[in-house]
Protein backbone atom coordinates (compact mmCIF):
# COMPACT_ATOMS: atom_id res chain seq x y z
CA UNK A 1 -81.34 261.05 118.56
CA UNK A 2 -78.39 261.68 120.87
CA UNK A 3 -78.87 264.90 122.90
CA UNK A 4 -76.18 267.55 122.56
CA UNK A 5 -73.58 268.02 125.26
CA UNK A 6 -74.18 271.78 125.50
CA UNK A 7 -77.30 273.92 125.14
CA UNK A 8 -77.02 277.70 124.82
CA UNK A 9 -80.25 279.49 125.79
CA UNK A 10 -80.56 283.02 124.40
CA UNK A 11 -83.63 285.21 125.16
CA UNK A 12 -84.10 287.89 122.48
CA UNK A 13 -86.22 291.03 122.39
CA UNK A 14 -85.73 293.41 119.46
CA UNK A 15 -82.13 292.28 118.87
CA UNK A 16 -82.08 292.31 115.06
CA UNK A 17 -79.22 294.83 114.96
CA UNK A 18 -76.82 292.60 116.85
CA UNK A 19 -78.18 289.08 116.38
CA UNK A 20 -76.04 288.18 113.36
CA UNK A 21 -72.82 289.36 115.03
CA UNK A 22 -73.72 287.54 118.23
CA UNK A 23 -74.43 284.27 116.41
CA UNK A 24 -71.15 284.37 114.49
CA UNK A 25 -69.19 285.17 117.66
CA UNK A 26 -70.92 282.40 119.59
CA UNK A 27 -70.16 279.79 116.92
CA UNK A 28 -66.51 280.88 116.91
CA UNK A 29 -66.38 280.28 120.67
CA UNK A 30 -68.22 276.92 120.66
CA UNK A 31 -66.76 275.07 117.68
CA UNK A 32 -63.18 274.82 119.07
CA UNK A 33 -64.53 273.01 122.16
CA UNK A 34 -65.18 269.94 119.96
CA UNK A 35 -68.41 269.24 121.83
CA UNK A 36 -71.85 268.83 120.33
CA UNK A 37 -74.09 271.80 121.00
CA UNK A 38 -77.41 273.42 120.21
CA UNK A 39 -78.41 277.08 120.36
CA UNK A 40 -81.92 277.69 121.69
CA UNK A 41 -83.16 281.17 120.83
CA UNK A 42 -86.36 282.54 122.37
CA UNK A 43 -87.99 285.50 120.64
CA UNK A 44 -89.87 287.38 123.36
CA UNK A 45 -92.42 289.00 121.05
CA UNK A 46 -89.97 291.22 119.16
CA UNK A 47 -91.39 294.00 116.98
CA UNK A 48 -88.38 294.16 114.61
CA UNK A 49 -86.89 291.50 112.34
CA UNK A 50 -85.65 289.22 115.13
CA UNK A 51 -88.14 286.42 114.45
CA UNK A 52 -87.35 286.39 110.73
CA UNK A 53 -83.62 286.22 111.43
CA UNK A 54 -84.08 283.33 113.86
CA UNK A 55 -86.12 281.46 111.26
CA UNK A 56 -83.33 281.92 108.72
CA UNK A 57 -80.65 280.78 111.19
CA UNK A 58 -82.66 277.66 112.06
CA UNK A 59 -83.19 276.84 108.39
CA UNK A 60 -79.46 277.17 107.64
CA UNK A 61 -78.09 275.29 110.67
CA UNK A 62 -79.72 272.24 112.33
CA UNK A 63 -77.95 273.12 115.58
CA UNK A 64 -80.14 276.23 115.88
CA UNK A 65 -83.63 276.01 117.39
CA UNK A 66 -86.02 278.79 118.26
CA UNK A 67 -89.35 279.56 119.90
CA UNK A 68 -91.27 282.76 119.23
CA UNK A 69 -93.85 284.20 121.64
CA UNK A 70 -97.14 285.74 120.55
CA UNK A 71 -96.20 288.94 122.43
CA UNK A 72 -93.67 290.23 124.92
CA UNK A 73 -94.01 288.15 128.09
CA UNK A 74 -90.76 289.29 129.73
CA UNK A 75 -87.31 287.87 130.15
CA UNK A 76 -88.28 285.52 132.99
CA UNK A 77 -90.77 283.75 130.70
CA UNK A 78 -88.21 283.66 127.87
CA UNK A 79 -85.57 282.05 130.08
CA UNK A 80 -88.09 279.49 131.30
CA UNK A 81 -89.04 278.63 127.71
CA UNK A 82 -85.37 278.27 126.78
CA UNK A 83 -84.68 275.94 129.70
CA UNK A 84 -87.68 273.82 128.66
CA UNK A 85 -86.31 273.66 125.10
CA UNK A 86 -82.79 272.71 126.14
CA UNK A 87 -81.60 269.10 125.91
CA UNK A 88 -77.90 269.40 126.76
CA UNK A 89 -76.07 268.03 129.78
CA UNK A 90 -74.89 271.60 130.43
CA UNK A 91 -77.04 274.66 129.74
CA UNK A 92 -75.64 278.18 129.40
CA UNK A 93 -77.96 281.18 129.78
CA UNK A 94 -76.82 284.38 128.06
CA UNK A 95 -78.09 287.55 126.38
CA UNK A 96 -77.84 288.31 122.67
CA UNK A 97 -76.51 291.87 123.04
CA UNK A 98 -72.88 290.70 123.54
CA UNK A 99 -72.78 292.07 127.08
CA UNK A 100 -72.33 288.42 127.98
CA UNK A 101 -69.12 287.63 126.07
CA UNK A 102 -69.38 284.27 124.22
CA UNK A 103 -65.62 283.74 124.59
CA UNK A 104 -66.22 283.08 128.30
CA UNK A 105 -68.34 280.00 127.60
CA UNK A 106 -65.32 277.61 127.27
CA UNK A 107 -64.12 278.77 130.69
CA UNK A 108 -67.55 277.98 132.14
CA UNK A 109 -67.48 274.54 130.55
CA UNK A 110 -64.05 273.86 132.02
CA UNK A 111 -65.29 274.66 135.54
CA UNK A 112 -68.33 272.48 134.93
CA UNK A 113 -66.03 269.56 134.10
CA UNK A 114 -64.50 270.01 137.56
CA UNK A 115 -67.85 269.04 139.07
CA UNK A 116 -69.71 272.33 139.52
CA UNK A 117 -73.46 272.31 138.84
CA UNK A 118 -73.59 276.08 138.54
CA UNK A 119 -70.92 278.36 137.07
CA UNK A 120 -71.68 282.07 137.39
CA UNK A 121 -70.00 284.79 135.34
CA UNK A 122 -70.10 287.84 137.61
CA UNK A 123 -69.61 291.23 135.94
CA UNK A 124 -68.00 294.24 137.56
CA UNK A 125 -69.44 297.76 137.42
CA UNK A 126 -66.96 299.22 134.91
CA UNK A 127 -68.52 301.92 132.73
CA UNK A 128 -71.74 302.30 134.71
CA UNK A 129 -72.92 305.68 135.95
CA UNK A 130 -72.14 306.63 139.53
CA UNK A 131 -75.82 306.90 140.49
CA UNK A 132 -76.77 303.49 139.08
CA UNK A 133 -73.74 301.87 140.73
CA UNK A 134 -74.60 303.41 144.10
CA UNK A 135 -78.26 302.40 143.87
CA UNK A 136 -77.29 298.84 142.89
CA UNK A 137 -74.97 298.50 145.87
CA UNK A 138 -77.62 299.82 148.25
CA UNK A 139 -80.19 297.42 146.78
CA UNK A 140 -77.96 294.36 147.15
CA UNK A 141 -77.12 295.31 150.74
CA UNK A 142 -80.85 295.48 151.41
CA UNK A 143 -81.40 292.15 149.65
CA UNK A 144 -78.72 290.42 151.73
CA UNK A 145 -80.44 291.59 154.90
CA UNK A 146 -83.98 290.75 153.84
CA UNK A 147 -84.04 287.80 151.46
CA UNK A 148 -83.93 284.18 152.49
CA UNK A 149 -81.49 283.39 149.67
CA UNK A 150 -78.07 284.85 148.90
CA UNK A 151 -77.95 287.04 145.78
CA UNK A 152 -74.55 288.44 144.80
CA UNK A 153 -74.07 291.89 143.25
CA UNK A 154 -73.10 291.43 139.59
CA UNK A 155 -74.23 287.78 139.43
CA UNK A 156 -76.94 287.88 136.78
CA UNK A 157 -78.39 285.45 134.29
CA UNK A 158 -75.09 284.68 132.54
CA UNK A 159 -74.42 281.27 134.02
CA UNK A 160 -74.04 277.57 133.32
CA UNK A 161 -76.41 275.03 134.85
CA UNK A 162 -76.00 271.28 134.91
CA UNK A 163 -78.89 269.14 133.74
CA UNK A 164 -79.64 268.30 137.37
CA UNK A 165 -79.82 272.01 138.22
CA UNK A 166 -82.02 272.75 135.18
CA UNK A 167 -84.47 270.02 136.18
CA UNK A 168 -84.62 271.49 139.68
CA UNK A 169 -85.41 274.96 138.30
CA UNK A 170 -88.12 273.55 136.03
CA UNK A 171 -89.71 271.70 138.95
CA UNK A 172 -90.65 275.00 140.60
CA UNK A 173 -94.18 275.92 139.45
CA UNK A 174 -94.64 279.49 140.68
CA UNK A 175 -95.93 282.18 138.34
CA UNK A 176 -94.07 285.09 139.94
CA UNK A 177 -90.54 284.03 139.00
CA UNK A 178 -87.33 285.74 140.10
CA UNK A 179 -84.59 283.64 138.52
CA UNK A 180 -81.68 285.12 140.47
CA UNK A 181 -83.36 283.97 143.65
CA UNK A 182 -84.37 280.61 142.17
CA UNK A 183 -80.81 279.86 141.06
CA UNK A 184 -79.60 280.56 144.58
CA UNK A 185 -82.47 278.66 146.22
CA UNK A 186 -81.81 275.36 144.40
CA UNK A 187 -78.26 275.30 145.75
CA UNK A 188 -75.71 272.81 144.35
CA UNK A 189 -71.95 273.31 144.08
CA UNK A 190 -71.34 276.73 142.55
CA UNK A 191 -68.24 278.40 141.12
CA UNK A 192 -67.98 282.00 139.97
CA UNK A 193 -65.52 284.31 138.28
CA UNK A 194 -65.53 288.02 137.50
CA UNK A 195 -65.31 289.59 134.07
CA UNK A 196 -65.08 293.19 132.90
CA UNK A 197 -68.42 294.83 132.17
CA UNK A 198 -69.07 295.15 128.41
CA UNK A 199 -71.30 297.70 126.72
CA UNK A 200 -74.02 296.67 124.27
CA UNK A 201 -72.75 296.03 120.75
CA UNK A 202 -75.83 297.71 119.21
CA UNK A 203 -79.33 298.84 120.04
CA UNK A 204 -80.61 300.19 123.33
CA UNK A 205 -81.11 298.58 126.71
CA UNK A 206 -84.57 297.17 127.44
CA UNK A 207 -84.07 297.72 131.16
CA UNK A 208 -85.01 301.28 132.02
CA UNK A 209 -85.28 302.69 135.53
CA UNK A 210 -88.92 301.69 135.93
CA UNK A 211 -88.31 298.10 134.80
CA UNK A 212 -85.33 297.76 137.11
CA UNK A 213 -87.37 299.12 140.02
CA UNK A 214 -90.22 296.67 139.42
CA UNK A 215 -87.74 293.80 139.02
CA UNK A 216 -86.08 294.75 142.29
CA UNK A 217 -89.43 294.83 144.10
CA UNK A 218 -90.32 291.40 142.70
CA UNK A 219 -87.03 290.07 144.00
CA UNK A 220 -87.61 291.40 147.48
CA UNK A 221 -91.15 290.02 147.68
CA UNK A 222 -90.51 286.63 146.05
CA UNK A 223 -88.11 285.17 148.59
CA UNK A 224 -89.01 286.62 151.94
CA UNK A 225 -91.91 287.68 154.14
CA UNK A 226 -90.12 290.53 155.87
CA UNK A 227 -92.03 293.29 154.02
CA UNK A 228 -95.16 291.84 155.58
CA UNK A 229 -93.53 291.89 158.98
CA UNK A 230 -92.46 295.47 158.31
CA UNK A 231 -96.12 296.41 157.89
CA UNK A 232 -96.90 294.75 161.20
CA UNK A 233 -93.99 296.50 162.91
CA UNK A 234 -95.09 299.84 161.48
CA UNK A 235 -98.57 299.33 162.84
CA UNK A 236 -97.22 298.37 166.25
CA UNK A 237 -94.94 301.42 166.35
CA UNK A 238 -97.89 303.65 165.49
CA UNK A 239 -99.88 302.01 168.24
CA UNK A 240 -97.10 302.61 170.78
CA UNK A 241 -96.77 306.18 169.53
CA UNK A 242 -100.48 306.64 170.11
CA UNK A 243 -100.09 305.27 173.63
CA UNK A 244 -97.23 307.65 174.41
CA UNK A 245 -99.17 310.51 172.89
CA UNK A 246 -102.21 309.63 175.00
CA UNK A 247 -100.09 309.63 178.17
CA UNK A 248 -98.69 313.04 177.20
CA UNK A 249 -102.20 314.41 176.66
CA UNK A 250 -103.36 313.01 180.01
CA UNK A 251 -100.39 314.60 181.78
CA UNK A 252 -101.05 317.90 180.02
CA UNK A 253 -104.70 317.79 181.04
CA UNK A 254 -103.76 317.03 184.63
CA UNK A 255 -101.40 320.00 184.76
CA UNK A 256 -103.21 322.60 182.65
CA UNK A 257 -106.80 321.51 182.54
CA UNK A 258 -109.00 320.45 179.64
CA UNK A 259 -108.84 322.65 176.55
CA UNK A 260 -111.15 320.61 174.28
CA UNK A 261 -113.40 317.97 175.83
CA UNK A 262 -113.20 314.61 174.01
CA UNK A 263 -110.10 315.57 172.04
CA UNK A 264 -107.86 313.16 173.93
CA UNK A 265 -110.06 310.13 173.40
CA UNK A 266 -110.71 310.96 169.74
CA UNK A 267 -107.07 311.46 168.71
CA UNK A 268 -105.88 308.40 170.59
CA UNK A 269 -108.49 306.20 168.94
CA UNK A 270 -107.80 307.53 165.43
CA UNK A 271 -104.03 307.08 165.60
CA UNK A 272 -104.20 303.66 167.27
CA UNK A 273 -106.80 302.24 164.91
CA UNK A 274 -104.95 303.63 161.87
CA UNK A 275 -101.83 301.78 162.90
CA UNK A 276 -103.68 298.52 163.37
CA UNK A 277 -105.45 298.91 160.01
CA UNK A 278 -102.18 299.61 158.21
CA UNK A 279 -100.62 296.46 159.62
CA UNK A 280 -103.65 294.32 158.81
CA UNK A 281 -104.11 295.63 155.26
CA UNK A 282 -100.41 295.20 154.54
CA UNK A 283 -100.52 291.53 155.47
CA UNK A 284 -103.79 290.76 153.72
CA UNK A 285 -102.99 292.76 150.59
CA UNK A 286 -99.65 291.09 149.90
CA UNK A 287 -100.88 287.58 150.47
CA UNK A 288 -104.08 288.08 148.46
CA UNK A 289 -102.12 289.61 145.56
CA UNK A 290 -99.73 286.67 145.38
CA UNK A 291 -102.50 284.11 145.77
CA UNK A 292 -104.49 285.85 143.01
CA UNK A 293 -101.67 285.52 140.49
CA UNK A 294 -100.89 281.92 141.40
CA UNK A 295 -104.54 280.81 141.49
CA UNK A 296 -105.20 281.87 137.88
CA UNK A 297 -102.78 279.14 136.73
CA UNK A 298 -102.13 280.81 133.40
CA UNK A 299 -99.23 279.53 131.27
CA UNK A 300 -96.09 281.61 131.56
CA UNK A 301 -96.14 282.40 127.85
CA UNK A 302 -97.97 281.75 124.58
CA UNK A 303 -96.04 280.32 121.61
CA UNK A 304 -96.56 281.82 118.15
CA UNK A 305 -94.23 279.46 116.29
CA UNK A 306 -91.17 277.28 116.69
CA UNK A 307 -88.51 275.98 114.33
CA UNK A 308 -90.28 272.61 114.20
CA UNK A 309 -93.82 273.84 113.51
CA UNK A 310 -93.40 277.23 111.77
CA UNK A 311 -97.14 277.50 112.39
CA UNK A 312 -98.71 280.78 113.40
CA UNK A 313 -101.54 281.02 115.87
CA UNK A 314 -104.14 283.79 116.27
CA UNK A 315 -102.84 286.75 118.23
CA UNK A 316 -103.47 286.24 121.96
CA UNK A 317 -104.53 282.60 121.61
CA UNK A 318 -102.29 279.96 123.22
CA UNK A 319 -100.98 277.17 121.06
CA UNK A 320 -102.13 273.69 122.04
CA UNK A 321 -98.53 272.70 122.68
CA UNK A 322 -97.77 275.59 125.03
CA UNK A 323 -100.96 275.22 127.08
CA UNK A 324 -100.66 271.45 127.23
CA UNK A 325 -97.07 271.73 128.38
CA UNK A 326 -98.00 274.22 131.07
CA UNK A 327 -100.79 271.98 132.38
CA UNK A 328 -98.56 268.92 132.40
CA UNK A 329 -95.77 270.67 134.28
CA UNK A 330 -98.16 272.05 136.85
């Protein structure tokens, strides 16, 4: 069977309200390109009718494929599953909420034909609240200073990857995945363009403040060791502070006499040792935490059913296909 020229990977989580509109809009954008394509939907454990709708779409159109998780494993796992499903020479990652406009896909394909392995659609901040915009800008400034890869403000998951780039992403085995950093880390020739920010067509955002904060922390820790160095620097500064404080106490004792015998030695020891402990625990804790997650070697997700099997598995139990695939790729 000849593989399609284009694969569209669409992670979905509780998108039943907008899924039909998105699918119709996407087909309207793809069919005029006169290229063969497939649409790979990934249901990330939705609690609404998303899985049923995907099953109906796959039954009605052979160009539609889907994978459904046994529970919500997160968008990073859903994108990974979609990339594994894809067979096209060019793969486009996009969301189902229409904040990633399907009409931009032909423009991405045109840039890909000019030789770019990555084409990034970069949104502006139109319509966002002032506080969220300010926090985002501060975060990306911090990221540019700390991370070992370059992550651009507004450059999200809406992008095209060549087959070579997709294979490079899939070759990375880590469990703690931060795709924005991975896309930057693999390199290749990259083109980008900016589009006007679009509000969700229906439903509510799945990215609240807490989720965004945790995602930001994962990004900072995944591609640099500077937080560990910060712990060391903090400990060293506390140690130097203790030394200065000890000298001040000694000078005060020399000038005014001893007010409390043993106080100088006790305070100096407490502050100095606390600084050293903070630095040591910071280093050990971060490394042990990351090693712990990687050493378990769990699959990134568990598959409930796909368009080819339509077979359900017991809740919480991995399918043989998903576990076998994970072991093979690792």
